[in-house]
């Protein structure tokens, strides 16, 4: 998988994904809890591996690119 998730994006995904997964685990029962866990885990995993399949489909990339001028 091609890396397409930048540092800020990755950090936010890990923090928000962890919070959502924990909220789903400790919070509401039933469908809402499951949805929170699944969404949280998707964000967490995509943040940890620095790759998002949806970004690939949309040809989006938030990785920092080196300055071609060398600055």
PDB file of N, CA and C in Angstrom:
ATOM      1  N   UNK A   1       0.832  -1.186   0.000  1.00  0.00           N
ATOM      2  CA  UNK A   1       0.000   0.000   0.000  1.00  0.00           C
ATOM      3  C   UNK A   1       0.875   1.246   0.000  1.00  0.00           C
ATOM      4  N   UNK A   2       0.470   2.210  -0.795  1.00  0.00           N
ATOM      5  CA  UNK A   2       1.196   3.457  -0.899  1.00  0.00           C
ATOM      6  C   UNK A   2       0.834   4.352   0.292  1.00  0.00           C
ATOM      7  N   UNK A   3       1.840   4.969   0.868  1.00  0.00           N
ATOM      8  CA  UNK A   3       1.610   5.890   1.977  1.00  0.00           C
ATOM      9  C   UNK A   3       0.968   7.165   1.428  1.00  0.00           C
ATOM     10  N   UNK A   4      -0.200   7.515   1.952  1.00  0.00           N
ATOM     11  CA  UNK A   4      -0.895   8.710   1.472  1.00  0.00           C
ATOM     12  C   UNK A   4      -1.518   9.525   2.611  1.00  0.00           C
ATOM     13  N   UNK A   5      -1.126   9.243   3.845  1.00  0.00           N
ATOM     14  CA  UNK A   5      -1.641   9.956   5.006  1.00  0.00           C
ATOM     15  C   UNK A   5      -0.464  10.651   5.688  1.00  0.00           C
ATOM     16  N   UNK A   6      -0.526  11.975   5.753  1.00  0.00           N
ATOM     17  CA  UNK A   6       0.551  12.778   6.318  1.00  0.00           C
ATOM     18  C   UNK A   6       0.567  12.771   7.838  1.00  0.00           C
ATOM     19  N   UNK A   7       1.540  13.459   8.414  1.00  0.00           N
ATOM     20  CA  UNK A   7       1.773  13.445   9.855  1.00  0.00           C
ATOM     21  C   UNK A   7       0.592  14.002  10.645  1.00  0.00           C
ATOM     22  N   UNK A   8       0.100  15.168  10.274  1.00  0.00           N
ATOM     23  CA  UNK A   8      -1.023  15.768  11.009  1.00  0.00           C
ATOM     24  C   UNK A   8      -2.263  14.903  10.860  1.00  0.00           C
ATOM     25  N   UNK A   9      -2.544  14.471   9.651  1.00  0.00           N
ATOM     26  CA  UNK A   9      -3.690  13.605   9.373  1.00  0.00           C
ATOM     27  C   UNK A   9      -3.576  12.313  10.186  1.00  0.00           C
ATOM     28  N   UNK A  10      -2.398  11.718  10.182  1.00  0.00           N
ATOM     29  CA  UNK A  10      -2.168  10.468  10.900  1.00  0.00           C
ATOM     30  C   UNK A  10      -2.383  10.643  12.398  1.00  0.00           C
ATOM     31  N   UNK A  11      -1.852  11.734  12.955  1.00  0.00           N
ATOM     32  CA  UNK A  11      -1.993  11.990  14.389  1.00  0.00           C
ATOM     33  C   UNK A  11      -3.462  12.152  14.775  1.00  0.00           C
ATOM     34  N   UNK A  12      -4.193  12.936  13.977  1.00  0.00           N
ATOM     35  CA  UNK A  12      -5.621  13.127  14.262  1.00  0.00           C
ATOM     36  C   UNK A  12      -6.398  11.820  14.141  1.00  0.00           C
ATOM     37  N   UNK A  13      -6.078  11.011  13.147  1.00  0.00           N
ATOM     38  CA  UNK A  13      -6.758   9.727  12.977  1.00  0.00           C
ATOM     39  C   UNK A  13      -6.531   8.815  14.180  1.00  0.00           C
ATOM     40  N   UNK A  14      -5.306   8.770  14.677  1.00  0.00           N
ATOM     41  CA  UNK A  14      -5.004   7.901  15.821  1.00  0.00           C
ATOM     42  C   UNK A  14      -5.736   8.386  17.071  1.00  0.00           C
ATOM     43  N   UNK A  15      -5.702   9.690  17.324  1.00  0.00           N
ATOM     44  CA  UNK A  15      -6.355  10.236  18.519  1.00  0.00           C
ATOM     45  C   UNK A  15      -7.869  10.069  18.445  1.00  0.00           C
ATOM     46  N   UNK A  16      -8.467  10.497  17.335  1.00  0.00           N
ATOM     47  CA  UNK A  16      -9.926  10.417  17.199  1.00  0.00           C
ATOM     48  C   UNK A  16     -10.388   8.958  17.110  1.00  0.00           C
ATOM     49  N   UNK A  17      -9.634   8.131  16.398  1.00  0.00           N
ATOM     50  CA  UNK A  17      -9.984   6.716  16.287  1.00  0.00           C
ATOM     51  C   UNK A  17      -9.966   6.012  17.631  1.00  0.00           C
ATOM     52  N   UNK A  18      -8.945   6.294  18.434  1.00  0.00           N
ATOM     53  CA  UNK A  18      -8.867   5.700  19.766  1.00  0.00           C
ATOM     54  C   UNK A  18     -10.038   6.162  20.623  1.00  0.00           C
ATOM     55  N   UNK A  19     -10.337   7.465  20.575  1.00  0.00           N
ATOM     56  CA  UNK A  19     -11.442   8.014  21.370  1.00  0.00           C
ATOM     57  C   UNK A  19     -12.782   7.393  20.960  1.00  0.00           C
ATOM     58  N   UNK A  20     -13.020   7.285  19.657  1.00  0.00           N
ATOM     59  CA  UNK A  20     -14.284   6.705  19.195  1.00  0.00           C
ATOM     60  C   UNK A  20     -14.403   5.225  19.566  1.00  0.00           C
ATOM     61  N   UNK A  21     -13.322   4.475  19.394  1.00  0.00           N
ATOM     62  CA  UNK A  21     -13.357   3.050  19.728  1.00  0.00           C
ATOM     63  C   UNK A  21     -13.612   2.853  21.224  1.00  0.00           C
ATOM     64  N   UNK A  22     -12.956   3.655  22.048  1.00  0.00           N
ATOM     65  CA  UNK A  22     -13.189   3.560  23.488  1.00  0.00           C
ATOM     66  C   UNK A  22     -14.601   3.990  23.862  1.00  0.00           C
ATOM     67  N   UNK A  23     -15.100   5.045  23.221  1.00  0.00           N
ATOM     68  CA  UNK A  23     -16.466   5.499  23.489  1.00  0.00           C
ATOM     69  C   UNK A  23     -17.471   4.414  23.122  1.00  0.00           C
ATOM     70  N   UNK A  24     -17.234   3.731  22.011  1.00  0.00           N
ATOM     71  CA  UNK A  24     -18.118   2.643  21.609  1.00  0.00           C
ATOM     72  C   UNK A  24     -18.030   1.457  22.534  1.00  0.00           C
ATOM     73  N   UNK A  25     -16.837   1.190  23.020  1.00  0.00           N
ATOM     74  CA  UNK A  25     -16.623   0.053  23.905  1.00  0.00           C
ATOM     75  C   UNK A  25     -17.244   0.291  25.281  1.00  0.00           C
ATOM     76  N   UNK A  26     -17.076   1.516  25.792  1.00  0.00           N
ATOM     77  CA  UNK A  26     -17.532   1.828  27.152  1.00  0.00           C
ATOM     78  C   UNK A  26     -18.918   2.479  27.187  1.00  0.00           C
ATOM     79  N   UNK A  27     -19.382   2.967  26.047  1.00  0.00           N
ATOM     80  CA  UNK A  27     -20.616   3.745  26.010  1.00  0.00           C
ATOM     81  C   UNK A  27     -21.839   2.949  25.629  1.00  0.00           C
ATOM     82  N   UNK A  28     -22.525   3.401  24.604  1.00  0.00           N
ATOM     83  CA  UNK A  28     -23.835   2.833  24.257  1.00  0.00           C
ATOM     84  C   UNK A  28     -23.749   1.374  23.813  1.00  0.00           C
ATOM     85  N   UNK A  29     -24.803   0.646  24.155  1.00  0.00           N
ATOM     86  CA  UNK A  29     -24.892  -0.744  23.719  1.00  0.00           C
ATOM     87  C   UNK A  29     -25.645  -0.810  22.402  1.00  0.00           C
ATOM     88  N   UNK A  30     -25.509  -1.892  21.722  1.00  0.00           N
ATOM     89  CA  UNK A  30     -26.250  -2.093  20.484  1.00  0.00           C
ATOM     90  C   UNK A  30     -25.534  -1.547  19.277  1.00  0.00           C
ATOM     91  N   UNK A  31     -26.327  -1.163  18.280  1.00  0.00           N
ATOM     92  CA  UNK A  31     -25.797  -0.757  16.984  1.00  0.00           C
ATOM     93  C   UNK A  31     -24.892   0.471  17.082  1.00  0.00           C
ATOM     94  N   UNK A  32     -25.276   1.455  17.884  1.00  0.00           N
ATOM     95  CA  UNK A  32     -24.480   2.676  17.993  1.00  0.00           C
ATOM     96  C   UNK A  32     -23.091   2.371  18.549  1.00  0.00           C
ATOM     97  N   UNK A  33     -22.995   1.517  19.531  1.00  0.00           N
ATOM     98  CA  UNK A  33     -21.697   1.135  20.084  1.00  0.00           C
ATOM     99  C   UNK A  33     -20.834   0.428  19.052  1.00  0.00           C
ATOM    100  N   UNK A  34     -21.444  -0.451  18.279  1.00  0.00           N
ATOM    101  CA  UNK A  34     -20.705  -1.182  17.244  1.00  0.00           C
ATOM    102  C   UNK A  34     -20.208  -0.223  16.168  1.00  0.00           C
ATOM    103  N   UNK A  35     -21.049   0.714  15.755  1.00  0.00           N
ATOM    104  CA  UNK A  35     -20.653   1.692  14.736  1.00  0.00           C
ATOM    105  C   UNK A  35     -19.481   2.520  15.234  1.00  0.00           C
ATOM    106  N   UNK A  36     -19.533   2.983  16.471  1.00  0.00           N
ATOM    107  CA  UNK A  36     -18.438   3.776  17.028  1.00  0.00           C
ATOM    108  C   UNK A  36     -17.138   2.970  17.061  1.00  0.00           C
ATOM    109  N   UNK A  37     -17.221   1.729  17.459  1.00  0.00           N
ATOM    110  CA  UNK A  37     -16.026   0.872  17.513  1.00  0.00           C
ATOM    111  C   UNK A  37     -15.446   0.678  16.117  1.00  0.00           C
ATOM    112  N   UNK A  38     -16.290   0.355  15.150  1.00  0.00           N
ATOM    113  CA  UNK A  38     -15.809   0.090  13.785  1.00  0.00           C
ATOM    114  C   UNK A  38     -15.183   1.345  13.174  1.00  0.00           C
ATOM    115  N   UNK A  39     -15.870   2.473  13.273  1.00  0.00           N
ATOM    116  CA  UNK A  39     -15.327   3.715  12.716  1.00  0.00           C
ATOM    117  C   UNK A  39     -14.021   4.075  13.414  1.00  0.00           C
ATOM    118  N   UNK A  40     -13.990   3.930  14.733  1.00  0.00           N
ATOM    119  CA  UNK A  40     -12.772   4.215  15.482  1.00  0.00           C
ATOM    120  C   UNK A  40     -11.615   3.324  15.069  1.00  0.00           C
ATOM    121  N   UNK A  41     -11.884   2.040  14.883  1.00  0.00           N
ATOM    122  CA  UNK A  41     -10.818   1.119  14.486  1.00  0.00           C
ATOM    123  C   UNK A  41     -10.323   1.393  13.073  1.00  0.00           C
ATOM    124  N   UNK A  42     -11.227   1.759  12.172  1.00  0.00           N
ATOM    125  CA  UNK A  42     -10.811   2.097  10.802  1.00  0.00           C
ATOM    126  C   UNK A  42      -9.886   3.304  10.829  1.00  0.00           C
ATOM    127  N   UNK A  43     -10.275   4.352  11.565  1.00  0.00           N
ATOM    128  CA  UNK A  43      -9.421   5.540  11.672  1.00  0.00           C
ATOM    129  C   UNK A  43      -8.081   5.193  12.319  1.00  0.00           C
ATOM    130  N   UNK A  44      -8.118   4.405  13.370  1.00  0.00           N
ATOM    131  CA  UNK A  44      -6.891   4.025  14.070  1.00  0.00           C
ATOM    132  C   UNK A  44      -5.941   3.246  13.162  1.00  0.00           C
ATOM    133  N   UNK A  45      -6.452   2.258  12.469  1.00  0.00           N
ATOM    134  CA  UNK A  45      -5.609   1.432  11.593  1.00  0.00           C
ATOM    135  C   UNK A  45      -5.050   2.245  10.433  1.00  0.00           C
ATOM    136  N   UNK A  46      -5.895   3.053   9.781  1.00  0.00           N
ATOM    137  CA  UNK A  46      -5.390   3.848   8.660  1.00  0.00           C
ATOM    138  C   UNK A  46      -4.362   4.865   9.132  1.00  0.00           C
ATOM    139  N   UNK A  47      -4.515   5.360  10.349  1.00  0.00           N
ATOM    140  CA  UNK A  47      -3.514   6.265  10.902  1.00  0.00           C
ATOM    141  C   UNK A  47      -2.209   5.551  11.210  1.00  0.00           C
ATOM    142  N   UNK A  48      -2.292   4.348  11.731  1.00  0.00           N
ATOM    143  CA  UNK A  48      -1.078   3.604  12.092  1.00  0.00           C
ATOM    144  C   UNK A  48      -0.295   3.127  10.867  1.00  0.00           C
ATOM    145  N   UNK A  49      -0.997   2.771   9.800  1.00  0.00           N
ATOM    146  CA  UNK A  49      -0.293   2.279   8.609  1.00  0.00           C
ATOM    147  C   UNK A  49      -0.031   3.386   7.588  1.00  0.00           C
ATOM    148  N   UNK A  50      -0.499   4.600   7.873  1.00  0.00           N
ATOM    149  CA  UNK A  50      -0.282   5.779   7.008  1.00  0.00           C
ATOM    150  C   UNK A  50      -0.816   5.590   5.595  1.00  0.00           C
ATOM    151  N   UNK A  51      -1.876   4.830   5.464  1.00  0.00           N
ATOM    152  CA  UNK A  51      -2.461   4.602   4.157  1.00  0.00           C
ATOM    153  C   UNK A  51      -3.976   4.507   4.289  1.00  0.00           C
ATOM    154  N   UNK A  52      -4.673   5.207   3.391  1.00  0.00           N
ATOM    155  CA  UNK A  52      -6.135   5.221   3.412  1.00  0.00           C
ATOM    156  C   UNK A  52      -6.652   4.781   2.042  1.00  0.00           C
ATOM    157  N   UNK A  53      -7.412   3.689   1.985  1.00  0.00           N
ATOM    158  CA  UNK A  53      -7.938   3.221   0.703  1.00  0.00           C
ATOM    159  C   UNK A  53      -8.866   4.242   0.036  1.00  0.00           C
ATOM    160  N   UNK A  54      -9.624   4.981   0.816  1.00  0.00           N
ATOM    161  CA  UNK A  54     -10.518   5.989   0.235  1.00  0.00           C
ATOM    162  C   UNK A  54      -9.698   7.106  -0.402  1.00  0.00           C
ATOM    163  N   UNK A  55      -8.606   7.511   0.256  1.00  0.00           N
ATOM    164  CA  UNK A  55      -7.715   8.512  -0.343  1.00  0.00           C
ATOM    165  C   UNK A  55      -7.167   7.997  -1.672  1.00  0.00           C
ATOM    166  N   UNK A  56      -6.836   6.718  -1.739  1.00  0.00           N
ATOM    167  CA  UNK A  56      -6.321   6.139  -2.988  1.00  0.00           C
ATOM    168  C   UNK A  56      -7.362   6.215  -4.093  1.00  0.00           C
ATOM    169  N   UNK A  57      -8.612   5.894  -3.763  1.00  0.00           N
ATOM    170  CA  UNK A  57      -9.679   5.962  -4.765  1.00  0.00           C
ATOM    171  C   UNK A  57      -9.902   7.384  -5.262  1.00  0.00           C
ATOM    172  N   UNK A  58      -9.745   8.364  -4.357  1.00  0.00           N
ATOM    173  CA  UNK A  58      -9.963   9.764  -4.711  1.00  0.00           C
ATOM    174  C   UNK A  58      -8.692  10.454  -5.192  1.00  0.00           C
ATOM    175  N   UNK A  59      -7.598   9.706  -5.264  1.00  0.00           N
ATOM    176  CA  UNK A  59      -6.291  10.240  -5.660  1.00  0.00           C
ATOM    177  C   UNK A  59      -5.886  11.431  -4.778  1.00  0.00           C
ATOM    178  N   UNK A  60      -6.099  11.274  -3.469  1.00  0.00           N
ATOM    179  CA  UNK A  60      -5.775  12.311  -2.490  1.00  0.00           C
ATOM    180  C   UNK A  60      -4.538  11.870  -1.715  1.00  0.00           C
ATOM    181  N   UNK A  61      -3.713  12.832  -1.319  1.00  0.00           N
ATOM    182  CA  UNK A  61      -2.480  12.546  -0.601  1.00  0.00           C
ATOM    183  C   UNK A  61      -2.186  13.712   0.340  1.00  0.00           C
ATOM    184  N   UNK A  62      -2.072  13.428   1.639  1.00  0.00           N
ATOM    185  CA  UNK A  62      -1.781  14.486   2.608  1.00  0.00           C
ATOM    186  C   UNK A  62      -0.348  14.407   3.126  1.00  0.00           C
ATOM    187  N   UNK A  63       0.475  13.573   2.513  1.00  0.00           N
ATOM    188  CA  UNK A  63       1.874  13.473   2.908  1.00  0.00           C
ATOM    189  C   UNK A  63       2.616  14.747   2.537  1.00  0.00           C
ATOM    190  N   UNK A  64       3.562  15.115   3.377  1.00  0.00           N
ATOM    191  CA  UNK A  64       4.384  16.282   3.112  1.00  0.00           C
ATOM    192  C   UNK A  64       5.352  15.940   2.002  1.00  0.00           C
ATOM    193  N   UNK A  65       5.417  16.771   1.009  1.00  0.00           N
ATOM    194  CA  UNK A  65       6.336  16.574  -0.114  1.00  0.00           C
ATOM    195  C   UNK A  65       7.563  17.445   0.073  1.00  0.00           C
ATOM    196  N   UNK A  66       8.748  16.915  -0.199  1.00  0.00           N
ATOM    197  CA  UNK A  66       9.944  17.746  -0.098  1.00  0.00           C
ATOM    198  C   UNK A  66       9.893  18.879  -1.121  1.00  0.00           C
ATOM    199  N   UNK A  67      10.431  20.015  -0.732  1.00  0.00           N
ATOM    200  CA  UNK A  67      10.476  21.187  -1.622  1.00  0.00           C
ATOM    201  C   UNK A  67      11.421  20.895  -2.780  1.00  0.00           C
ATOM    202  N   UNK A  68      10.918  20.946  -4.023  1.00  0.00           N
ATOM    203  CA  UNK A  68      11.776  20.610  -5.172  1.00  0.00           C
ATOM    204  C   UNK A  68      12.946  21.582  -5.338  1.00  0.00           C
ATOM    205  N   UNK A  69      12.862  22.750  -4.723  1.00  0.00           N
ATOM    206  CA  UNK A  69      13.943  23.724  -4.811  1.00  0.00           C
ATOM    207  C   UNK A  69      15.022  23.453  -3.775  1.00  0.00           C
ATOM    208  N   UNK A  70      14.755  22.516  -2.875  1.00  0.00           N
ATOM    209  CA  UNK A  70      15.758  22.169  -1.854  1.00  0.00           C
ATOM    210  C   UNK A  70      15.773  23.080  -0.658  1.00  0.00           C
ATOM    211  N   UNK A  71      14.712  23.831  -0.442  1.00  0.00           N
ATOM    212  CA  UNK A  71      14.640  24.762   0.704  1.00  0.00           C
ATOM    213  C   UNK A  71      13.874  24.146   1.823  1.00  0.00           C
TER     214      UNK A  71
END
